[in-house]
Amino acid sequence: MAGLVPAIHVLQKEGVDARHKAGHDGVLGGIPMNVRISLSVLVIVAAVIFFFFYTETGRLLLAAMGFAKPS
């Protein structure tokens, strides 16, 4: 039961990691977190570029904002 004996780890000399998978900071599936974030940003940027330049709705929105001529 959680909280039955709170802060019992204070009595121990070594550090305690009470997470389910202790020791897995910043790595998920073997890929470092900064690489996963960079890839996610790249995918989002690619999706935005695709939307605005390769779909009719995106081209119309660009034209409405004054960034492109309507086709």
C-alpha atoms as a PDB file:
ATOM      1  CA  MET A   1       0.000   0.000   0.000  1.00  0.00           C
ATOM      2  CA  ALA A   2       1.541   3.294  -1.072  1.00  0.00           C
ATOM      3  CA  GLY A   3       2.419   5.667   1.728  1.00  0.00           C
ATOM      4  CA  LEU A   4       2.114   3.114   4.518  1.00  0.00           C
ATOM      5  CA  VAL A   5       5.679   3.825   5.644  1.00  0.00           C
ATOM      6  CA  PRO A   6       6.592   7.134   4.004  1.00  0.00           C
ATOM      7  CA  ALA A   7      10.208   8.200   3.545  1.00  0.00           C
ATOM      8  CA  ILE A   8      11.759   4.945   4.745  1.00  0.00           C
ATOM      9  CA  HIS A   9      14.503   5.515   2.186  1.00  0.00           C
ATOM     10  CA  VAL A  10      15.787   8.420   4.324  1.00  0.00           C
ATOM     11  CA  LEU A  11      17.354   5.862   6.622  1.00  0.00           C
ATOM     12  CA  GLN A  12      19.363   4.248   3.818  1.00  0.00           C
ATOM     13  CA  LYS A  13      22.870   5.398   2.842  1.00  0.00           C
ATOM     14  CA  GLU A  14      22.600   4.759  -0.928  1.00  0.00           C
ATOM     15  CA  GLY A  15      20.350   6.583  -3.374  1.00  0.00           C
ATOM     16  CA  VAL A  16      16.926   5.126  -4.003  1.00  0.00           C
ATOM     17  CA  ASP A  17      15.168   5.143  -7.349  1.00  0.00           C
ATOM     18  CA  ALA A  18      11.550   4.129  -6.742  1.00  0.00           C
ATOM     19  CA  ARG A  19      10.451   4.271 -10.385  1.00  0.00           C
ATOM     20  CA  HIS A  20       9.192   1.124 -12.078  1.00  0.00           C
ATOM     21  CA  LYS A  21      12.151   0.964 -14.493  1.00  0.00           C
ATOM     22  CA  ALA A  22      14.897   2.510 -12.444  1.00  0.00           C
ATOM     23  CA  GLY A  23      17.943   3.856 -14.260  1.00  0.00           C
ATOM     24  CA  HIS A  24      16.375   4.617 -17.628  1.00  0.00           C
ATOM     25  CA  ASP A  25      16.782   8.381 -17.625  1.00  0.00           C
ATOM     26  CA  GLY A  26      16.580  10.004 -21.033  1.00  0.00           C
ATOM     27  CA  VAL A  27      16.540   6.809 -23.097  1.00  0.00           C
ATOM     28  CA  LEU A  28      13.399   5.284 -24.553  1.00  0.00           C
ATOM     29  CA  GLY A  29      13.634   2.206 -26.729  1.00  0.00           C
ATOM     30  CA  GLY A  30      17.403   2.560 -26.973  1.00  0.00           C
ATOM     31  CA  ILE A  31      17.170   6.004 -28.618  1.00  0.00           C
ATOM     32  CA  PRO A  32      18.340   9.006 -26.563  1.00  0.00           C
ATOM     33  CA  MET A  33      15.602  11.505 -25.751  1.00  0.00           C
ATOM     34  CA  ASN A  34      17.306  14.412 -27.562  1.00  0.00           C
ATOM     35  CA  VAL A  35      17.388  12.363 -30.792  1.00  0.00           C
ATOM     36  CA  ARG A  36      13.713  11.443 -30.400  1.00  0.00           C
ATOM     37  CA  ILE A  37      12.768  15.099 -29.886  1.00  0.00           C
ATOM     38  CA  SER A  38      14.844  16.196 -32.892  1.00  0.00           C
ATOM     39  CA  LEU A  39      13.201  13.569 -35.091  1.00  0.00           C
ATOM     40  CA  SER A  40       9.753  14.600 -33.860  1.00  0.00           C
ATOM     41  CA  VAL A  41      10.427  18.247 -34.713  1.00  0.00           C
ATOM     42  CA  LEU A  42      11.709  17.218 -38.143  1.00  0.00           C
ATOM     43  CA  VAL A  43       8.551  15.209 -38.826  1.00  0.00           C
ATOM     44  CA  ILE A  44       6.327  18.118 -37.760  1.00  0.00           C
ATOM     45  CA  VAL A  45       8.233  20.574 -39.979  1.00  0.00           C
ATOM     46  CA  ALA A  46       8.005  18.156 -42.918  1.00  0.00           C
ATOM     47  CA  ALA A  47       4.250  17.775 -42.356  1.00  0.00           C
ATOM     48  CA  VAL A  48       3.752  21.559 -42.302  1.00  0.00           C
ATOM     49  CA  ILE A  49       5.802  21.998 -45.484  1.00  0.00           C
ATOM     50  CA  PHE A  50       3.853  19.215 -47.170  1.00  0.00           C
ATOM     51  CA  PHE A  51       0.530  20.750 -46.133  1.00  0.00           C
ATOM     52  CA  PHE A  52       1.295  24.259 -47.344  1.00  0.00           C
ATOM     53  CA  PHE A  53       3.044  23.384 -50.607  1.00  0.00           C
ATOM     54  CA  TYR A  54       1.455  20.124 -51.730  1.00  0.00           C
ATOM     55  CA  THR A  55      -2.214  20.468 -50.824  1.00  0.00           C
ATOM     56  CA  GLU A  56      -4.759  22.763 -52.406  1.00  0.00           C
ATOM     57  CA  THR A  57      -5.988  23.955 -49.007  1.00  0.00           C
ATOM     58  CA  GLY A  58      -2.467  24.855 -47.951  1.00  0.00           C
ATOM     59  CA  ARG A  59      -1.798  26.773 -51.156  1.00  0.00           C
ATOM     60  CA  LEU A  60      -5.076  28.660 -50.721  1.00  0.00           C
ATOM     61  CA  LEU A  61      -4.159  29.535 -47.135  1.00  0.00           C
ATOM     62  CA  LEU A  62      -0.752  30.815 -48.265  1.00  0.00           C
ATOM     63  CA  ALA A  63      -2.466  32.932 -50.926  1.00  0.00           C
ATOM     64  CA  ALA A  64      -4.976  34.256 -48.391  1.00  0.00           C
ATOM     65  CA  MET A  65      -2.113  35.277 -46.085  1.00  0.00           C
ATOM     66  CA  GLY A  66      -0.384  37.035 -48.981  1.00  0.00           C
ATOM     67  CA  PHE A  67       2.605  34.680 -49.229  1.00  0.00           C
ATOM     68  CA  ALA A  68       1.791  33.169 -52.624  1.00  0.00           C
ATOM     69  CA  LYS A  69      -0.221  33.783 -55.749  1.00  0.00           C
ATOM     70  CA  PRO A  70      -3.453  31.756 -55.990  1.00  0.00           C
ATOM     71  CA  SER A  71      -3.185  28.930 -58.480  1.00  0.00           C
END
